[in-house]
């Protein structure tokens, strides 16, 4: 049975290799598998900082949808629609999908953050309902934008269940970090922590797109040269999902020193692969890592990162213990079916 049609609007290219786009792809696939007639709508490139032409085109694409249609709009675009959302709400039933508040992105000027906050507040007022990816983000929407709790539903990202990997101790400890190379992902913090651990035998593999923030990439390369780390790390760029298993197989430890995460899918993917995890950051990170198999190192705390890394670099038994905890924790991670069910419930609610 094909269920009633609705729309899923997103910025840019749905095949972009980031956690947020991966989430959107999984939700779309799950909805279709359950029989929903869901139509993807691309709103164009450049979000969350679109030019005037892109913003006008996005409004036109949404305004052309059938009257009273239900449309889920990804927050990377929705948060900057502002007054546009008010006009669209006259003819559409809008559900916002918020991965994290845009104003919490690192590297923004004070004025830039305030402008994004004002735009996102205006847009969220026009949403009939809001789906977020973690309880921490739900709390932030209430604190930052006074969104009523009853207007928010949480759809935690799902996690695949790969086969357990039997890792033999190796001379060189392979560290793996996955995340688009931006300031928010905290690679500079990780480099600073690793700079004091050069006497140990390790190599860092970094998986993540290099195009989002070229200035950040240049700064990190310069930092690696200054700290004499350049030959101890490799930037691989974005890697298709089906190739990630090779990196998980080769890794001994997963580490991501984020400054902030709305959920932190990279952490749970690593836990699902049975890797010991080192993580940091504000937002949902501490909650995401609370199930076992991980060491949480606070927020922008380089000494704590260094201590956690050194512990796992020098002690294979500590790595093995955390890996066993990760394998157990993976059994209780949420599934994509759970997340899709939340979306289905919300769509049915706003239709009624």
Protein backbone atom coordinates (compact mmCIF):
# COMPACT_ATOMS: atom_id res chain seq x y z
CA UNK A 1 0.00 0.00 0.00
CA UNK A 2 1.31 3.45 -0.97
CA UNK A 3 0.67 6.01 1.76
CA UNK A 4 -0.16 9.69 1.08
CA UNK A 5 2.47 11.86 -0.57
CA UNK A 6 4.63 14.42 1.18
CA UNK A 7 7.93 16.18 0.54
CA UNK A 8 11.44 16.18 2.00
CA UNK A 9 13.45 19.32 1.22
CA UNK A 10 17.19 19.52 1.71
CA UNK A 11 20.07 21.83 0.73
CA UNK A 12 22.70 20.95 -1.84
CA UNK A 13 23.45 17.39 -2.96
CA UNK A 14 21.76 14.58 -1.04
CA UNK A 15 24.74 12.31 -1.81
CA UNK A 16 27.16 14.55 0.09
CA UNK A 17 29.34 12.39 2.36
CA UNK A 18 28.54 13.85 5.78
CA UNK A 19 26.65 12.53 8.76
CA UNK A 20 23.76 14.95 8.28
CA UNK A 21 23.17 13.96 4.68
CA UNK A 22 23.64 10.31 5.60
CA UNK A 23 20.85 10.74 8.15
CA UNK A 24 18.57 12.27 5.52
CA UNK A 25 19.28 9.43 3.07
CA UNK A 26 18.51 6.78 5.67
CA UNK A 27 15.22 8.45 6.62
CA UNK A 28 14.13 8.80 2.99
CA UNK A 29 14.99 5.17 2.26
CA UNK A 30 13.16 3.97 5.36
CA UNK A 31 10.03 5.98 4.62
CA UNK A 32 9.89 4.64 1.08
CA UNK A 33 10.47 1.10 2.32
CA UNK A 34 7.45 1.52 4.60
CA UNK A 35 5.28 2.58 1.66
CA UNK A 36 5.32 6.37 1.95
CA UNK A 37 5.21 8.40 -1.26
CA UNK A 38 7.92 10.88 -0.28
CA UNK A 39 9.37 13.27 -2.86
CA UNK A 40 12.85 14.80 -2.39
CA UNK A 41 13.22 18.51 -3.14
CA UNK A 42 16.70 20.03 -3.52
CA UNK A 43 16.86 23.67 -2.42
CA UNK A 44 20.18 24.42 -4.08
CA UNK A 45 23.78 24.93 -2.95
CA UNK A 46 25.47 27.27 -0.50
CA UNK A 47 23.38 26.76 2.64
CA UNK A 48 23.53 27.94 5.39
CA UNK A 49 24.92 30.97 3.56
CA UNK A 50 23.02 31.00 0.25
CA UNK A 51 23.22 33.88 -2.17
CA UNK A 52 20.10 35.84 -3.10
CA UNK A 53 19.47 33.80 -6.25
CA UNK A 54 19.63 30.48 -4.38
CA UNK A 55 17.32 31.76 -1.65
CA UNK A 56 14.79 32.97 -4.21
CA UNK A 57 15.01 29.67 -6.09
CA UNK A 58 14.50 27.70 -2.86
CA UNK A 59 11.41 29.74 -2.02
CA UNK A 60 10.08 29.19 -5.53
CA UNK A 61 10.62 25.43 -5.33
CA UNK A 62 8.75 25.19 -2.03
CA UNK A 63 6.00 27.62 -3.02
CA UNK A 64 5.27 25.50 -6.11
CA UNK A 65 4.35 22.44 -4.03
CA UNK A 66 0.64 21.56 -3.90
CA UNK A 67 -1.40 23.59 -1.44
CA UNK A 68 -1.52 22.16 2.12
CA UNK A 69 1.29 19.71 1.39
CA UNK A 70 3.34 18.37 4.28
CA UNK A 71 7.03 19.18 3.78
CA UNK A 72 9.94 18.24 6.01
CA UNK A 73 12.73 20.81 5.60
CA UNK A 74 16.28 20.07 6.71
CA UNK A 75 17.45 22.65 9.23
CA UNK A 76 20.67 23.47 7.36
CA UNK A 77 18.38 25.26 4.91
CA UNK A 78 15.30 25.94 7.03
CA UNK A 79 17.21 27.89 9.65
CA UNK A 80 18.09 30.64 7.18
CA UNK A 81 14.67 30.94 5.55
CA UNK A 82 13.46 33.38 8.22
CA UNK A 83 10.68 35.53 6.77
CA UNK A 84 10.45 33.19 3.78
CA UNK A 85 9.13 30.51 6.13
CA UNK A 86 6.28 32.79 7.18
CA UNK A 87 5.13 33.14 3.58
CA UNK A 88 5.48 29.41 2.94
CA UNK A 89 3.51 28.49 6.06
CA UNK A 90 0.42 30.09 4.54
CA UNK A 91 0.19 27.24 2.02
CA UNK A 92 2.33 24.41 3.44
CA UNK A 93 2.42 22.29 6.58
CA UNK A 94 6.06 22.56 7.61
CA UNK A 95 8.04 20.09 9.73
CA UNK A 96 11.57 21.25 10.56
CA UNK A 97 14.42 18.75 10.92
CA UNK A 98 17.12 20.27 13.16
CA UNK A 99 20.47 18.48 13.43
CA UNK A 100 21.82 21.30 15.60
CA UNK A 101 21.15 25.06 15.89
CA UNK A 102 23.03 26.86 13.13
CA UNK A 103 24.10 29.64 15.49
CA UNK A 104 26.15 27.07 17.46
CA UNK A 105 28.51 26.45 14.55
CA UNK A 106 32.11 27.36 15.38
CA UNK A 107 33.97 30.07 13.52
CA UNK A 108 31.05 32.51 13.24
CA UNK A 109 31.44 36.16 14.06
CA UNK A 110 29.27 37.46 16.89
CA UNK A 111 27.08 39.30 14.38
CA UNK A 112 26.90 36.22 12.17
CA UNK A 113 25.80 34.02 15.06
CA UNK A 114 23.15 36.54 16.15
CA UNK A 115 21.81 36.86 12.60
CA UNK A 116 21.52 33.08 12.28
CA UNK A 117 19.83 32.86 15.67
CA UNK A 118 17.25 35.49 14.68
CA UNK A 119 16.59 33.82 11.33
CA UNK A 120 16.28 30.37 12.87
CA UNK A 121 13.93 31.66 15.57
CA UNK A 122 11.69 33.25 12.94
CA UNK A 123 11.67 30.08 10.84
CA UNK A 124 10.99 27.70 13.73
CA UNK A 125 7.93 29.71 14.73
CA UNK A 126 6.38 28.70 11.40
CA UNK A 127 6.95 24.96 11.82
CA UNK A 128 3.99 22.83 12.85
CA UNK A 129 6.41 20.40 14.44
CA UNK A 130 10.17 19.99 14.86
CA UNK A 131 12.21 16.80 14.71
CA UNK A 132 15.66 16.83 16.34
CA UNK A 133 18.39 14.20 16.44
CA UNK A 134 19.09 14.22 20.19
CA UNK A 135 17.56 15.22 23.54
CA UNK A 136 20.40 17.73 23.93
CA UNK A 137 19.30 19.53 20.77
CA UNK A 138 15.69 19.48 22.00
CA UNK A 139 16.84 21.19 25.19
CA UNK A 140 18.76 23.79 23.20
CA UNK A 141 15.75 24.65 21.06
CA UNK A 142 13.74 25.24 24.21
CA UNK A 143 16.50 27.36 25.77
CA UNK A 144 17.53 29.35 22.68
CA UNK A 145 14.21 29.75 20.88
CA UNK A 146 11.51 29.09 23.52
CA UNK A 147 10.14 26.18 21.48
CA UNK A 148 7.49 24.31 23.53
CA UNK A 149 8.57 20.79 24.46
CA UNK A 150 5.36 19.31 23.04
CA UNK A 151 6.29 20.69 19.62
CA UNK A 152 9.53 18.64 19.49
CA UNK A 153 10.14 14.96 18.73
CA UNK A 154 13.51 13.21 19.01
CA UNK A 155 14.61 10.79 16.26
CA UNK A 156 18.02 9.47 17.27
CA UNK A 157 20.24 8.44 14.35
CA UNK A 158 20.28 4.71 13.75
CA UNK A 159 23.35 2.55 13.58
CA UNK A 160 24.14 -0.43 11.38
CA UNK A 161 25.24 -3.68 13.06
CA UNK A 162 28.48 -4.73 11.33
CA UNK A 163 30.19 -8.01 12.15
CA UNK A 164 32.58 -7.90 15.09
CA UNK A 165 36.20 -7.29 14.09
CA UNK A 166 38.95 -9.32 15.76
CA UNK A 167 41.84 -6.88 16.08
CA UNK A 168 45.33 -8.20 16.77
CA UNK A 169 47.73 -5.84 18.58
CA UNK A 170 49.95 -3.97 16.13
CA UNK A 171 53.23 -2.12 16.58
CA UNK A 172 51.85 1.11 15.13
CA UNK A 173 48.58 2.13 16.79
CA UNK A 174 46.19 3.30 14.08
CA UNK A 175 44.05 6.26 15.15
CA UNK A 176 40.93 7.01 13.09
CA UNK A 177 39.00 10.29 13.01
CA UNK A 178 35.92 10.87 10.85
CA UNK A 179 34.27 14.23 10.27
CA UNK A 180 34.18 17.03 7.71
CA UNK A 181 37.31 19.12 8.16
CA UNK A 182 35.94 22.27 9.80
CA UNK A 183 36.78 24.21 12.93
CA UNK A 184 33.89 22.60 14.82
CA UNK A 185 35.40 19.13 14.44
CA UNK A 186 38.39 20.14 16.58
CA UNK A 187 41.24 18.65 14.58
CA UNK A 188 43.46 21.47 15.84
CA UNK A 189 42.76 20.33 19.41
CA UNK A 190 43.60 16.75 18.45
CA UNK A 191 46.87 17.82 16.82
CA UNK A 192 47.82 19.77 19.95
CA UNK A 193 47.17 16.70 22.09
CA UNK A 194 49.15 14.42 19.78
CA UNK A 195 52.09 16.83 19.66
CA UNK A 196 53.06 15.70 23.16
CA UNK A 197 52.86 12.01 22.25
CA UNK A 198 55.40 11.77 19.45
CA UNK A 199 57.53 9.30 21.40
CA UNK A 200 54.78 6.70 20.88
CA UNK A 201 54.25 4.78 17.64
CA UNK A 202 50.95 5.91 16.09
CA UNK A 203 49.43 7.14 12.84
CA UNK A 204 46.26 9.21 12.42
CA UNK A 205 43.89 8.68 9.48
CA UNK A 206 41.43 11.54 8.93
CA UNK A 207 38.30 10.86 6.87
CA UNK A 208 36.19 13.86 5.91
CA UNK A 209 35.51 16.36 3.16
CA UNK A 210 38.15 19.04 2.62
CA UNK A 211 36.01 21.49 0.65
CA UNK A 212 33.72 22.94 3.33
CA UNK A 213 36.35 25.16 4.97
CA UNK A 214 39.54 25.51 2.88
CA UNK A 215 41.02 28.01 5.36
CA UNK A 216 40.68 25.45 8.13
CA UNK A 217 42.43 22.82 5.99
CA UNK A 218 45.31 25.21 5.27
CA UNK A 219 45.62 26.10 8.95
CA UNK A 220 45.67 22.43 9.96
CA UNK A 221 48.37 21.59 7.44
CA UNK A 222 50.44 24.50 8.74
CA UNK A 223 49.86 23.35 12.33
CA UNK A 224 50.90 19.80 11.46
CA UNK A 225 54.12 21.13 9.92
CA UNK A 226 54.84 23.38 12.92
CA UNK A 227 54.28 20.50 15.37
CA UNK A 228 56.27 18.06 13.19
CA UNK A 229 53.26 15.79 12.79
CA UNK A 230 52.88 15.87 9.00
CA UNK A 231 54.38 12.42 8.49
CA UNK A 232 52.23 10.94 11.28
CA UNK A 233 48.84 11.74 9.75
CA UNK A 234 46.95 11.37 6.47
CA UNK A 235 44.03 13.43 5.16
CA UNK A 236 42.00 11.03 3.00
CA UNK A 237 39.16 13.42 2.16
CA UNK A 238 35.57 12.20 1.94
CA UNK A 239 35.27 8.43 1.55
CA UNK A 240 32.17 6.54 0.30
CA UNK A 241 30.38 4.62 3.02
CA UNK A 242 31.17 1.23 1.49
CA UNK A 243 34.90 1.97 1.77
CA UNK A 244 34.77 3.07 5.41
CA UNK A 245 34.77 -0.54 6.59
CA UNK A 246 38.40 -0.86 5.46
CA UNK A 247 39.39 2.01 7.73
CA UNK A 248 37.40 0.65 10.67
CA UNK A 249 39.05 -2.74 10.11
CA UNK A 250 42.53 -1.21 10.18
CA UNK A 251 41.94 1.13 13.14
CA UNK A 252 42.80 0.49 16.78
CA UNK A 253 41.23 3.62 18.31
CA UNK A 254 38.62 6.13 17.14
CA UNK A 255 39.13 9.73 18.26
CA UNK A 256 37.16 12.88 17.43
CA UNK A 257 37.85 16.08 19.39
CA UNK A 258 34.73 18.00 18.34
CA UNK A 259 33.86 21.30 19.91
CA UNK A 260 30.13 20.63 19.50
CA UNK A 261 27.83 17.93 18.12
CA UNK A 262 24.06 17.82 17.80
CA UNK A 263 24.38 14.04 18.20
CA UNK A 264 27.68 12.64 16.94
CA UNK A 265 26.94 9.84 14.47
CA UNK A 266 30.65 9.22 13.92
CA UNK A 267 31.01 8.16 17.55
CA UNK A 268 28.18 5.62 17.46
CA UNK A 269 29.37 4.22 14.11
CA UNK A 270 32.79 3.61 15.68
CA UNK A 271 31.22 2.00 18.75
CA UNK A 272 29.13 -0.21 16.46
CA UNK A 273 32.38 -1.38 14.83
CA UNK A 274 33.76 -2.32 18.25
CA UNK A 275 36.36 0.43 18.39
CA UNK A 276 37.43 2.08 21.64
CA UNK A 277 36.37 5.72 21.33
CA UNK A 278 37.84 8.98 22.60
CA UNK A 279 35.53 11.97 22.22
CA UNK A 280 34.95 15.51 23.36
CA UNK A 281 32.57 18.38 22.81
CA UNK A 282 29.53 20.28 23.95
CA UNK A 283 25.96 19.54 22.89
CA UNK A 284 25.05 15.85 22.82
CA UNK A 285 28.53 14.32 22.89
CA UNK A 286 28.63 13.28 26.55
CA UNK A 287 25.17 11.70 26.28
CA UNK A 288 26.08 9.93 23.04
CA UNK A 289 29.18 8.41 24.65
CA UNK A 290 27.50 7.43 27.90
CA UNK A 291 26.62 3.87 26.91
CA UNK A 292 30.12 2.41 27.27
CA UNK A 293 33.22 1.80 25.18
CA UNK A 294 34.26 5.45 25.22
CA UNK A 295 36.30 8.03 27.11
CA UNK A 296 34.72 11.51 27.27
CA UNK A 297 37.26 14.32 27.53
CA UNK A 298 35.16 17.40 28.22
CA UNK A 299 35.05 20.41 25.92
CA UNK A 300 38.22 21.77 24.26
CA UNK A 301 40.31 20.11 26.98
CA UNK A 302 43.64 19.29 25.30
CA UNK A 303 45.29 17.86 28.46
CA UNK A 304 42.36 15.45 28.92
CA UNK A 305 42.58 14.39 25.27
CA UNK A 306 46.32 13.82 25.61
CA UNK A 307 45.86 11.73 28.77
CA UNK A 308 43.16 9.56 27.17
CA UNK A 309 45.22 9.06 24.02
CA UNK A 310 48.36 8.17 25.96
CA UNK A 311 46.44 5.66 28.05
CA UNK A 312 45.25 3.80 24.96
CA UNK A 313 48.51 4.18 23.05
CA UNK A 314 50.61 2.51 25.73
CA UNK A 315 48.17 -0.10 27.04
CA UNK A 316 46.80 -2.74 24.63
CA UNK A 317 44.75 -4.25 27.45
CA UNK A 318 42.99 -0.92 28.04
CA UNK A 319 42.18 -0.76 24.32
CA UNK A 320 40.84 -4.31 24.40
CA UNK A 321 38.70 -3.61 27.47
CA UNK A 322 37.12 -0.53 25.86
CA UNK A 323 36.62 -2.44 22.60
CA UNK A 324 34.71 -5.14 24.49
CA UNK A 325 32.58 -2.46 26.16
CA UNK A 326 31.93 -0.90 22.74
CA UNK A 327 30.77 -4.25 21.35
CA UNK A 328 28.29 -4.59 24.22
CA UNK A 329 27.14 -0.97 23.94
CA UNK A 330 26.49 -1.43 20.22
CA UNK A 331 23.74 -3.93 20.96
CA UNK A 332 21.55 -1.23 22.50
CA UNK A 333 22.19 1.58 20.01
CA UNK A 334 19.06 2.92 18.28
CA UNK A 335 18.12 1.61 14.84
CA UNK A 336 17.13 3.46 11.69
CA UNK A 337 13.73 1.79 11.93
CA UNK A 338 13.26 3.56 15.28
CA UNK A 339 14.08 6.93 13.69
CA UNK A 340 11.80 6.37 10.70
CA UNK A 341 8.92 5.52 13.02
CA UNK A 342 9.29 8.94 14.67
CA UNK A 343 9.04 10.66 11.28
CA UNK A 344 5.97 8.62 10.36
CA UNK A 345 4.27 9.49 13.64
CA UNK A 346 4.98 13.20 13.16
CA UNK A 347 3.71 13.24 9.57
CA UNK A 348 0.50 11.50 10.62
CA UNK A 349 0.09 13.97 13.50
CA UNK A 350 0.46 17.14 11.42
CA UNK A 351 -1.90 15.76 8.76
CA UNK A 352 -4.73 15.26 11.26
